[in-house]
Amino acid sequence: MQVVQEICNYFVRFWIAFRQAREEGVRMAKNRTGLMTAREAAKYLRVSMFTLSKIESNGGLVPYRTPGVHRRYSLRMLNRYLNNSRRSSRFRR
């Protein structure tokens, strides 16, 4: 009985390590392109998808478009937007 429990524990640890390695591989692949999807960009900016589209329509961000017309954002673009929005909010006070 104890041997079966040890085998189960080993399998669980192996499966967790496998899933983490696979997720890390996906993250690394995304980082190679350097572009984020709209959902990832909204999460990075800590805003909703609706707010992200409002920022775009106001000219705050101009995303890259894929051939399938999906929006992509670079980390540099998002950081520039954050810095500009922080700067302009200081002057509004």
Protein backbone atom coordinates (compact mmCIF):
# COMPACT_ATOMS: atom_id res chain seq x y z
CA MET A 1 0.00 0.00 0.00
CA GLN A 2 2.80 2.41 0.89
CA VAL A 3 4.59 1.63 -2.39
CA VAL A 4 1.46 2.55 -4.35
CA GLN A 5 1.19 5.83 -2.41
CA GLU A 6 4.84 6.66 -3.17
CA ILE A 7 4.30 5.95 -6.86
CA CYS A 8 1.22 8.19 -6.89
CA ASN A 9 3.12 10.99 -5.14
CA TYR A 10 5.97 10.65 -7.63
CA PHE A 11 3.54 10.81 -10.56
CA VAL A 12 1.84 13.91 -9.15
CA ARG A 13 5.19 15.69 -8.66
CA PHE A 14 6.26 14.68 -12.18
CA TRP A 15 2.99 15.93 -13.69
CA ILE A 16 3.21 19.28 -11.88
CA ALA A 17 6.81 19.78 -13.03
CA PHE A 18 5.83 18.82 -16.59
CA ARG A 19 2.95 21.34 -16.68
CA GLN A 20 5.12 24.13 -15.27
CA ALA A 21 7.84 23.46 -17.84
CA ARG A 22 5.27 23.45 -20.65
CA GLU A 23 3.73 26.74 -19.48
CA GLU A 24 7.20 28.27 -19.18
CA GLY A 25 7.91 27.19 -22.76
CA VAL A 26 4.76 28.93 -23.97
CA ARG A 27 5.72 32.10 -22.08
CA MET A 28 9.20 31.98 -23.59
CA ALA A 29 7.74 31.61 -27.09
CA LYS A 30 5.53 34.66 -26.53
CA ASN A 31 8.49 36.64 -25.22
CA ARG A 32 10.48 35.80 -28.34
CA THR A 33 8.01 37.68 -30.51
CA GLY A 34 7.88 40.50 -27.98
CA LEU A 35 4.20 41.17 -28.68
CA MET A 36 1.15 40.70 -26.46
CA THR A 37 -2.46 40.05 -27.31
CA ALA A 38 -5.16 42.56 -26.34
CA ARG A 39 -6.10 40.45 -23.33
CA GLU A 40 -2.49 40.26 -22.13
CA ALA A 41 -2.04 44.01 -22.67
CA ALA A 42 -5.20 44.79 -20.69
CA LYS A 43 -3.99 42.55 -17.89
CA TYR A 44 -0.56 44.24 -17.96
CA LEU A 45 -2.15 47.70 -17.77
CA ARG A 46 -4.65 46.46 -15.17
CA VAL A 47 -7.63 47.68 -17.17
CA SER A 48 -10.60 45.95 -18.79
CA MET A 49 -10.73 45.07 -22.48
CA PHE A 50 -13.34 47.81 -22.90
CA THR A 51 -11.03 50.41 -21.34
CA LEU A 52 -8.19 49.24 -23.58
CA SER A 53 -10.35 49.82 -26.66
CA LYS A 54 -11.28 53.29 -25.33
CA ILE A 55 -7.58 54.11 -24.89
CA GLU A 56 -7.04 53.08 -28.52
CA SER A 57 -9.95 55.13 -29.84
CA ASN A 58 -8.62 58.19 -27.97
CA GLY A 59 -5.23 57.71 -29.62
CA GLY A 60 -3.39 56.66 -26.47
CA LEU A 61 -2.24 53.41 -28.07
CA VAL A 62 -1.91 52.34 -31.69
CA PRO A 63 -1.52 48.56 -31.76
CA TYR A 64 0.14 46.53 -34.48
CA ARG A 65 -2.28 44.48 -36.59
CA THR A 66 -1.74 40.90 -37.68
CA PRO A 67 -2.82 39.78 -41.16
CA GLY A 68 -5.95 38.43 -39.45
CA VAL A 69 -6.57 41.96 -38.04
CA HIS A 70 -5.83 40.96 -34.45
CA ARG A 71 -4.27 43.60 -32.23
CA ARG A 72 -0.77 43.17 -30.83
CA TYR A 73 1.06 45.38 -28.36
CA SER A 74 4.74 45.66 -27.56
CA LEU A 75 5.93 45.99 -24.00
CA ARG A 76 7.72 49.20 -24.96
CA MET A 77 4.46 50.67 -26.30
CA LEU A 78 2.58 49.82 -23.10
CA ASN A 79 5.31 51.21 -20.84
CA ARG A 80 5.42 54.41 -22.89
CA TYR A 81 1.66 54.77 -22.46
CA LEU A 82 1.94 54.23 -18.70
CA ASN A 83 4.71 56.82 -18.37
CA ASN A 84 2.82 59.37 -20.48
CA SER A 85 -0.42 58.86 -18.57
CA ARG A 86 1.37 59.28 -15.25
CA ARG A 87 3.05 62.46 -16.45
CA SER A 88 -0.17 63.99 -17.73
CA SER A 89 -2.08 63.10 -14.54
CA ARG A 90 0.44 65.08 -12.47
CA PHE A 91 -0.30 68.24 -14.43
CA ARG A 92 -4.08 67.88 -14.12
CA ARG A 93 -4.05 68.32 -10.36
